[in-house]
């Protein structure tokens, strides 16, 4: 592994670690923190996997740039949600949809021969979409829990 790859991996871990701390500090419940953790791990694995080997073909395949849109959906959704649990849940569900759509958009653009490799890319994206859904579900639970606590206190 070249020095630049080690530096890039370190920066990736640093940035995502700080992002996790920022998001997790906004929620009081452990469920919210778990939701933020799942989203952070999904982001880390998505970026790291794409930089290392690429999900669609090799890491040099320009179709892998579509995964930037997945991260953008999650990031913009989190900003629009102001990190509040109900909005974060919606943002993570939208991110799951974007993740699931990537291989199909790539298929429409490139129109490759359908092989087992294409099927594995769809399966891999489904697994990642599941991580985003799990995060969204946890954010939803955190929102329901905080709404219930608000009714008890208020």
C-alpha atoms as a PDB file:
ATOM      1  CA  UNK A   1       0.000   0.000   0.000  1.00  0.00           C
ATOM      2  CA  UNK A   2       1.431   3.343  -1.024  1.00  0.00           C
ATOM      3  CA  UNK A   3       1.852   6.202   1.437  1.00  0.00           C
ATOM      4  CA  UNK A   4      -0.882   8.203  -0.333  1.00  0.00           C
ATOM      5  CA  UNK A   5      -3.347   5.332   0.167  1.00  0.00           C
ATOM      6  CA  UNK A   6      -2.515   5.161   3.874  1.00  0.00           C
ATOM      7  CA  UNK A   7      -2.988   8.921   4.190  1.00  0.00           C
ATOM      8  CA  UNK A   8      -6.294   8.738   2.294  1.00  0.00           C
ATOM      9  CA  UNK A   9      -7.514   5.889   4.508  1.00  0.00           C
ATOM     10  CA  UNK A  10      -6.524   7.874   7.605  1.00  0.00           C
ATOM     11  CA  UNK A  11      -8.319  10.977   6.373  1.00  0.00           C
ATOM     12  CA  UNK A  12     -11.400   8.934   5.565  1.00  0.00           C
ATOM     13  CA  UNK A  13     -11.462   7.459   9.069  1.00  0.00           C
ATOM     14  CA  UNK A  14     -10.864  10.880  10.634  1.00  0.00           C
ATOM     15  CA  UNK A  15     -13.585  12.651   8.656  1.00  0.00           C
ATOM     16  CA  UNK A  16     -16.167   9.924   9.194  1.00  0.00           C
ATOM     17  CA  UNK A  17     -15.266   9.649  12.867  1.00  0.00           C
ATOM     18  CA  UNK A  18     -15.757  13.385  13.338  1.00  0.00           C
ATOM     19  CA  UNK A  19     -18.996  13.240  11.336  1.00  0.00           C
ATOM     20  CA  UNK A  20     -20.249  10.456  13.593  1.00  0.00           C
ATOM     21  CA  UNK A  21     -19.393  12.484  16.695  1.00  0.00           C
ATOM     22  CA  UNK A  22     -21.213  15.509  15.285  1.00  0.00           C
ATOM     23  CA  UNK A  23     -24.365  13.581  14.402  1.00  0.00           C
ATOM     24  CA  UNK A  24     -24.406  11.316  17.470  1.00  0.00           C
ATOM     25  CA  UNK A  25     -23.992  14.295  19.797  1.00  0.00           C
ATOM     26  CA  UNK A  26     -27.324  15.652  18.518  1.00  0.00           C
ATOM     27  CA  UNK A  27     -29.277  12.696  19.896  1.00  0.00           C
ATOM     28  CA  UNK A  28     -29.667  11.766  23.505  1.00  0.00           C
ATOM     29  CA  UNK A  29     -30.880   8.217  23.017  1.00  0.00           C
ATOM     30  CA  UNK A  30     -28.664   5.241  22.347  1.00  0.00           C
ATOM     31  CA  UNK A  31     -30.968   4.338  19.448  1.00  0.00           C
ATOM     32  CA  UNK A  32     -30.125   7.623  17.732  1.00  0.00           C
ATOM     33  CA  UNK A  33     -26.419   6.968  18.292  1.00  0.00           C
ATOM     34  CA  UNK A  34     -26.751   3.458  16.859  1.00  0.00           C
ATOM     35  CA  UNK A  35     -28.549   4.889  13.822  1.00  0.00           C
ATOM     36  CA  UNK A  36     -25.751   7.392  13.286  1.00  0.00           C
ATOM     37  CA  UNK A  37     -23.192   4.616  13.727  1.00  0.00           C
ATOM     38  CA  UNK A  38     -24.830   2.368  11.127  1.00  0.00           C
ATOM     39  CA  UNK A  39     -24.972   5.265   8.652  1.00  0.00           C
ATOM     40  CA  UNK A  40     -21.319   6.081   9.325  1.00  0.00           C
ATOM     41  CA  UNK A  41     -20.229   2.463   8.844  1.00  0.00           C
ATOM     42  CA  UNK A  42     -22.245   2.230   5.619  1.00  0.00           C
ATOM     43  CA  UNK A  43     -20.572   5.419   4.357  1.00  0.00           C
ATOM     44  CA  UNK A  44     -17.128   4.174   5.321  1.00  0.00           C
ATOM     45  CA  UNK A  45     -17.583   0.796   3.631  1.00  0.00           C
ATOM     46  CA  UNK A  46     -19.058   2.402   0.528  1.00  0.00           C
ATOM     47  CA  UNK A  47     -16.185   4.835   0.056  1.00  0.00           C
ATOM     48  CA  UNK A  48     -13.474   2.394   1.078  1.00  0.00           C
ATOM     49  CA  UNK A  49     -14.785  -0.414  -1.134  1.00  0.00           C
ATOM     50  CA  UNK A  50     -15.090   1.874  -4.116  1.00  0.00           C
ATOM     51  CA  UNK A  51     -11.602   3.283  -3.683  1.00  0.00           C
ATOM     52  CA  UNK A  52     -10.066  -0.147  -3.131  1.00  0.00           C
ATOM     53  CA  UNK A  53     -11.672  -2.314  -5.798  1.00  0.00           C
ATOM     54  CA  UNK A  54     -14.750  -0.552  -7.143  1.00  0.00           C
ATOM     55  CA  UNK A  55     -18.220  -2.060  -7.004  1.00  0.00           C
ATOM     56  CA  UNK A  56     -18.967  -1.761 -10.705  1.00  0.00           C
ATOM     57  CA  UNK A  57     -16.047  -3.269 -12.559  1.00  0.00           C
ATOM     58  CA  UNK A  58     -12.692  -2.003 -11.332  1.00  0.00           C
ATOM     59  CA  UNK A  59     -12.018   1.071  -9.215  1.00  0.00           C
ATOM     60  CA  UNK A  60     -11.272   2.935 -12.461  1.00  0.00           C
ATOM     61  CA  UNK A  61     -14.761   2.396 -13.889  1.00  0.00           C
ATOM     62  CA  UNK A  62     -16.473   5.807 -14.141  1.00  0.00           C
ATOM     63  CA  UNK A  63     -19.813   4.199 -13.213  1.00  0.00           C
ATOM     64  CA  UNK A  64     -18.506   3.972  -9.642  1.00  0.00           C
ATOM     65  CA  UNK A  65     -18.836   7.754  -9.476  1.00  0.00           C
ATOM     66  CA  UNK A  66     -22.594   7.193  -9.204  1.00  0.00           C
ATOM     67  CA  UNK A  67     -22.012   6.232  -5.577  1.00  0.00           C
ATOM     68  CA  UNK A  68     -21.155   9.857  -4.887  1.00  0.00           C
ATOM     69  CA  UNK A  69     -24.835  10.593  -5.507  1.00  0.00           C
ATOM     70  CA  UNK A  70     -25.764   8.080  -2.809  1.00  0.00           C
ATOM     71  CA  UNK A  71     -23.611   9.903  -0.275  1.00  0.00           C
ATOM     72  CA  UNK A  72     -24.925  13.264  -1.483  1.00  0.00           C
ATOM     73  CA  UNK A  73     -28.538  12.139  -0.918  1.00  0.00           C
ATOM     74  CA  UNK A  74     -27.705  11.139   2.651  1.00  0.00           C
ATOM     75  CA  UNK A  75     -25.680  14.267   3.374  1.00  0.00           C
ATOM     76  CA  UNK A  76     -28.226  16.689   1.907  1.00  0.00           C
ATOM     77  CA  UNK A  77     -31.063  14.798   3.566  1.00  0.00           C
ATOM     78  CA  UNK A  78     -29.333  15.117   6.945  1.00  0.00           C
ATOM     79  CA  UNK A  79     -28.874  18.865   6.411  1.00  0.00           C
ATOM     80  CA  UNK A  80     -32.523  19.314   5.421  1.00  0.00           C
ATOM     81  CA  UNK A  81     -33.600  17.200   8.417  1.00  0.00           C
ATOM     82  CA  UNK A  82     -31.483  19.338  10.737  1.00  0.00           C
ATOM     83  CA  UNK A  83     -30.359  16.004  12.232  1.00  0.00           C
ATOM     84  CA  UNK A  84     -33.800  15.474  13.785  1.00  0.00           C
ATOM     85  CA  UNK A  85     -34.815  11.787  13.994  1.00  0.00           C
ATOM     86  CA  UNK A  86     -37.957  11.801  11.790  1.00  0.00           C
ATOM     87  CA  UNK A  87     -36.191  13.683   9.003  1.00  0.00           C
ATOM     88  CA  UNK A  88     -33.046  11.585   9.373  1.00  0.00           C
ATOM     89  CA  UNK A  89     -35.162   8.458   8.960  1.00  0.00           C
ATOM     90  CA  UNK A  90     -36.549   9.824   5.692  1.00  0.00           C
ATOM     91  CA  UNK A  91     -33.053  10.818   4.563  1.00  0.00           C
ATOM     92  CA  UNK A  92     -31.714   7.305   5.218  1.00  0.00           C
ATOM     93  CA  UNK A  93     -34.646   5.698   3.388  1.00  0.00           C
ATOM     94  CA  UNK A  94     -33.998   8.008   0.426  1.00  0.00           C
ATOM     95  CA  UNK A  95     -30.314   7.062   0.584  1.00  0.00           C
ATOM     96  CA  UNK A  96     -31.287   3.374   0.523  1.00  0.00           C
ATOM     97  CA  UNK A  97     -33.362   3.994  -2.591  1.00  0.00           C
ATOM     98  CA  UNK A  98     -30.481   5.835  -4.259  1.00  0.00           C
ATOM     99  CA  UNK A  99     -28.092   2.990  -3.340  1.00  0.00           C
ATOM    100  CA  UNK A 100     -30.434   0.377  -4.770  1.00  0.00           C
ATOM    101  CA  UNK A 101     -30.895   2.403  -7.962  1.00  0.00           C
ATOM    102  CA  UNK A 102     -27.174   2.758  -8.784  1.00  0.00           C
ATOM    103  CA  UNK A 103     -26.650  -0.571 -10.599  1.00  0.00           C
ATOM    104  CA  UNK A 104     -29.820  -0.080 -12.619  1.00  0.00           C
ATOM    105  CA  UNK A 105     -28.798   3.437 -13.657  1.00  0.00           C
ATOM    106  CA  UNK A 106     -25.374   2.048 -14.609  1.00  0.00           C
ATOM    107  CA  UNK A 107     -27.088  -0.685 -16.639  1.00  0.00           C
ATOM    108  CA  UNK A 108     -29.129   1.923 -18.497  1.00  0.00           C
ATOM    109  CA  UNK A 109     -26.041   4.003 -19.246  1.00  0.00           C
ATOM    110  CA  UNK A 110     -23.577   1.264 -20.205  1.00  0.00           C
ATOM    111  CA  UNK A 111     -25.960  -1.498 -21.328  1.00  0.00           C
ATOM    112  CA  UNK A 112     -23.487  -4.317 -20.654  1.00  0.00           C
ATOM    113  CA  UNK A 113     -24.081  -7.989 -21.262  1.00  0.00           C
ATOM    114  CA  UNK A 114     -26.002  -9.453 -18.332  1.00  0.00           C
ATOM    115  CA  UNK A 115     -23.672 -11.772 -16.440  1.00  0.00           C
ATOM    116  CA  UNK A 116     -23.275 -13.136 -12.926  1.00  0.00           C
ATOM    117  CA  UNK A 117     -21.039 -10.120 -12.227  1.00  0.00           C
ATOM    118  CA  UNK A 118     -24.016  -7.828 -12.822  1.00  0.00           C
ATOM    119  CA  UNK A 119     -26.118  -9.933 -10.471  1.00  0.00           C
ATOM    120  CA  UNK A 120     -23.446  -9.695  -7.752  1.00  0.00           C
ATOM    121  CA  UNK A 121     -23.363  -5.900  -8.108  1.00  0.00           C
ATOM    122  CA  UNK A 122     -27.144  -5.818  -7.595  1.00  0.00           C
ATOM    123  CA  UNK A 123     -26.839  -8.100  -4.554  1.00  0.00           C
ATOM    124  CA  UNK A 124     -24.047  -5.955  -3.092  1.00  0.00           C
ATOM    125  CA  UNK A 125     -26.112  -2.799  -3.554  1.00  0.00           C
ATOM    126  CA  UNK A 126     -29.092  -4.494  -1.931  1.00  0.00           C
ATOM    127  CA  UNK A 127     -26.956  -5.288   1.119  1.00  0.00           C
ATOM    128  CA  UNK A 128     -25.810  -1.674   1.317  1.00  0.00           C
ATOM    129  CA  UNK A 129     -29.385  -0.453   0.867  1.00  0.00           C
ATOM    130  CA  UNK A 130     -30.249  -2.693   3.819  1.00  0.00           C
ATOM    131  CA  UNK A 131     -27.694  -0.867   5.956  1.00  0.00           C
ATOM    132  CA  UNK A 132     -29.294   2.468   5.053  1.00  0.00           C
ATOM    133  CA  UNK A 133     -32.761   1.057   5.805  1.00  0.00           C
ATOM    134  CA  UNK A 134     -31.532  -0.229   9.184  1.00  0.00           C
ATOM    135  CA  UNK A 135     -30.201   3.237   9.966  1.00  0.00           C
ATOM    136  CA  UNK A 136     -33.499   4.812   8.898  1.00  0.00           C
ATOM    137  CA  UNK A 137     -35.453   2.366  11.032  1.00  0.00           C
ATOM    138  CA  UNK A 138     -33.283   3.174  14.055  1.00  0.00           C
ATOM    139  CA  UNK A 139     -33.719   6.911  13.469  1.00  0.00           C
ATOM    140  CA  UNK A 140     -37.473   6.361  13.242  1.00  0.00           C
ATOM    141  CA  UNK A 141     -37.427   4.465  16.555  1.00  0.00           C
ATOM    142  CA  UNK A 142     -35.382   7.252  18.115  1.00  0.00           C
ATOM    143  CA  UNK A 143     -37.945   9.783  16.916  1.00  0.00           C
ATOM    144  CA  UNK A 144     -40.862   7.800  18.297  1.00  0.00           C
ATOM    145  CA  UNK A 145     -39.083   7.362  21.626  1.00  0.00           C
ATOM    146  CA  UNK A 146     -38.305  11.073  21.912  1.00  0.00           C
ATOM    147  CA  UNK A 147     -41.880  12.011  20.954  1.00  0.00           C
ATOM    148  CA  UNK A 148     -43.196   9.686  23.668  1.00  0.00           C
ATOM    149  CA  UNK A 149     -40.788  11.176  26.206  1.00  0.00           C
ATOM    150  CA  UNK A 150     -41.948  14.668  25.201  1.00  0.00           C
ATOM    151  CA  UNK A 151     -45.571  13.712  25.906  1.00  0.00           C
ATOM    152  CA  UNK A 152     -44.634  12.343  29.324  1.00  0.00           C
ATOM    153  CA  UNK A 153     -42.667  15.457  30.279  1.00  0.00           C
ATOM    154  CA  UNK A 154     -45.043  18.010  28.698  1.00  0.00           C
END
